Amino acid sequence: MNRHGYTVYSLVSLVLAAAAFLSWHLVEKPSLKLKDLGLRRPPRTAPQGNRPPAVPGPGAAEPVAETASAR
């Protein structure tokens, strides 16, 4: 502000305030009206056939292998 003075600072502030005002009224406010139309997408889920095999967490018991004598 010291280099260009108070007048330039004030003009830049007014231009930025006008840009914010126009942004609100021309973009953001109309976009918020779309929220009430009920055009929501269903939540994304993985296809049932393509799931990776489950990995046991820490502390899970190791699977017991079947032996011929156990049958």
C-alpha atoms as a PDB file:
ATOM      1  CA  MET A   1       0.000   0.000   0.000  1.00  0.00           C
ATOM      2  CA  ASN A   2       2.891   2.333   0.611  1.00  0.00           C
ATOM      3  CA  ARG A   3       4.073   2.141  -2.994  1.00  0.00           C
ATOM      4  CA  HIS A   4       0.756   2.702  -4.790  1.00  0.00           C
ATOM      5  CA  GLY A   5      -1.238   4.633  -2.230  1.00  0.00           C
ATOM      6  CA  TYR A   6      -4.609   4.476  -0.608  1.00  0.00           C
ATOM      7  CA  THR A   7      -6.557   5.221  -3.806  1.00  0.00           C
ATOM      8  CA  VAL A   8      -5.262   2.169  -5.678  1.00  0.00           C
ATOM      9  CA  TYR A   9      -5.801  -0.016  -2.596  1.00  0.00           C
ATOM     10  CA  SER A  10      -9.401   1.192  -2.322  1.00  0.00           C
ATOM     11  CA  LEU A  11     -10.107   0.639  -6.035  1.00  0.00           C
ATOM     12  CA  VAL A  12      -8.691  -2.894  -5.947  1.00  0.00           C
ATOM     13  CA  SER A  13     -10.776  -3.645  -2.852  1.00  0.00           C
ATOM     14  CA  LEU A  14     -13.947  -2.406  -4.566  1.00  0.00           C
ATOM     15  CA  VAL A  15     -13.247  -4.468  -7.694  1.00  0.00           C
ATOM     16  CA  LEU A  16     -12.694  -7.618  -5.633  1.00  0.00           C
ATOM     17  CA  ALA A  17     -15.843  -6.974  -3.589  1.00  0.00           C
ATOM     18  CA  ALA A  18     -17.838  -6.551  -6.817  1.00  0.00           C
ATOM     19  CA  ALA A  19     -16.394  -9.832  -8.155  1.00  0.00           C
ATOM     20  CA  ALA A  20     -17.413 -11.624  -4.949  1.00  0.00           C
ATOM     21  CA  PHE A  21     -20.926 -10.134  -5.168  1.00  0.00           C
ATOM     22  CA  LEU A  22     -21.340 -11.246  -8.781  1.00  0.00           C
ATOM     23  CA  SER A  23     -19.948 -14.697  -8.000  1.00  0.00           C
ATOM     24  CA  TRP A  24     -22.500 -15.179  -5.232  1.00  0.00           C
ATOM     25  CA  HIS A  25     -25.495 -13.989  -7.219  1.00  0.00           C
ATOM     26  CA  LEU A  26     -24.608 -15.517 -10.602  1.00  0.00           C
ATOM     27  CA  VAL A  27     -23.016 -18.844  -9.613  1.00  0.00           C
ATOM     28  CA  GLU A  28     -23.337 -19.926  -6.014  1.00  0.00           C
ATOM     29  CA  LYS A  29     -26.916 -18.906  -5.189  1.00  0.00           C
ATOM     30  CA  PRO A  30     -28.433 -20.603  -8.295  1.00  0.00           C
ATOM     31  CA  SER A  31     -26.329 -23.701  -7.590  1.00  0.00           C
ATOM     32  CA  LEU A  32     -27.754 -23.975  -4.080  1.00  0.00           C
ATOM     33  CA  LYS A  33     -31.275 -24.085  -5.573  1.00  0.00           C
ATOM     34  CA  LEU A  34     -30.299 -27.286  -7.416  1.00  0.00           C
ATOM     35  CA  LYS A  35     -29.757 -28.979  -4.058  1.00  0.00           C
ATOM     36  CA  ASP A  36     -33.527 -29.162  -3.446  1.00  0.00           C
ATOM     37  CA  LEU A  37     -34.397 -30.883  -6.747  1.00  0.00           C
ATOM     38  CA  GLY A  38     -33.665 -34.381  -5.401  1.00  0.00           C
ATOM     39  CA  LEU A  39     -31.202 -35.297  -8.158  1.00  0.00           C
ATOM     40  CA  ARG A  40     -28.930 -37.244  -5.852  1.00  0.00           C
ATOM     41  CA  ARG A  41     -26.888 -40.139  -7.163  1.00  0.00           C
ATOM     42  CA  PRO A  42     -26.984 -43.446  -5.319  1.00  0.00           C
ATOM     43  CA  PRO A  43     -23.880 -44.189  -3.252  1.00  0.00           C
ATOM     44  CA  ARG A  44     -21.069 -45.904  -5.106  1.00  0.00           C
ATOM     45  CA  THR A  45     -20.525 -49.547  -4.215  1.00  0.00           C
ATOM     46  CA  ALA A  46     -18.127 -52.142  -5.523  1.00  0.00           C
ATOM     47  CA  PRO A  47     -19.619 -54.784  -7.819  1.00  0.00           C
ATOM     48  CA  GLN A  48     -20.344 -57.981  -5.898  1.00  0.00           C
ATOM     49  CA  GLY A  49     -18.353 -60.277  -8.218  1.00  0.00           C
ATOM     50  CA  ASN A  50     -15.120 -58.267  -8.154  1.00  0.00           C
ATOM     51  CA  ARG A  51     -14.416 -58.075  -4.455  1.00  0.00           C
ATOM     52  CA  PRO A  52     -10.918 -59.061  -3.352  1.00  0.00           C
ATOM     53  CA  PRO A  53     -10.628 -61.957  -0.883  1.00  0.00           C
ATOM     54  CA  ALA A  54     -10.920 -60.989   2.766  1.00  0.00           C
ATOM     55  CA  VAL A  55      -7.656 -60.551   4.617  1.00  0.00           C
ATOM     56  CA  PRO A  56      -7.758 -61.548   8.299  1.00  0.00           C
ATOM     57  CA  GLY A  57      -6.934 -58.754  10.686  1.00  0.00           C
ATOM     58  CA  PRO A  58      -4.288 -58.828  13.383  1.00  0.00           C
ATOM     59  CA  GLY A  59      -4.946 -61.440  16.060  1.00  0.00           C
ATOM     60  CA  ALA A  60      -7.141 -63.581  13.801  1.00  0.00           C
ATOM     61  CA  ALA A  61      -6.783 -67.310  14.257  1.00  0.00           C
ATOM     62  CA  GLU A  62      -4.874 -69.166  11.576  1.00  0.00           C
ATOM     63  CA  PRO A  63      -7.006 -71.569   9.527  1.00  0.00           C
ATOM     64  CA  VAL A  64      -6.538 -75.203  10.485  1.00  0.00           C
ATOM     65  CA  ALA A  65      -5.537 -77.421   7.573  1.00  0.00           C
ATOM     66  CA  GLU A  66      -7.528 -80.620   7.161  1.00  0.00           C
ATOM     67  CA  THR A  67      -5.529 -83.806   7.326  1.00  0.00           C
ATOM     68  CA  ALA A  68      -6.431 -87.265   6.112  1.00  0.00           C
ATOM     69  CA  SER A  69      -6.812 -88.544   9.671  1.00  0.00           C
ATOM     70  CA  ALA A  70      -9.221 -85.736  10.636  1.00  0.00           C
ATOM     71  CA  ARG A  71     -11.850 -86.841   8.120  1.00  0.00           C
END
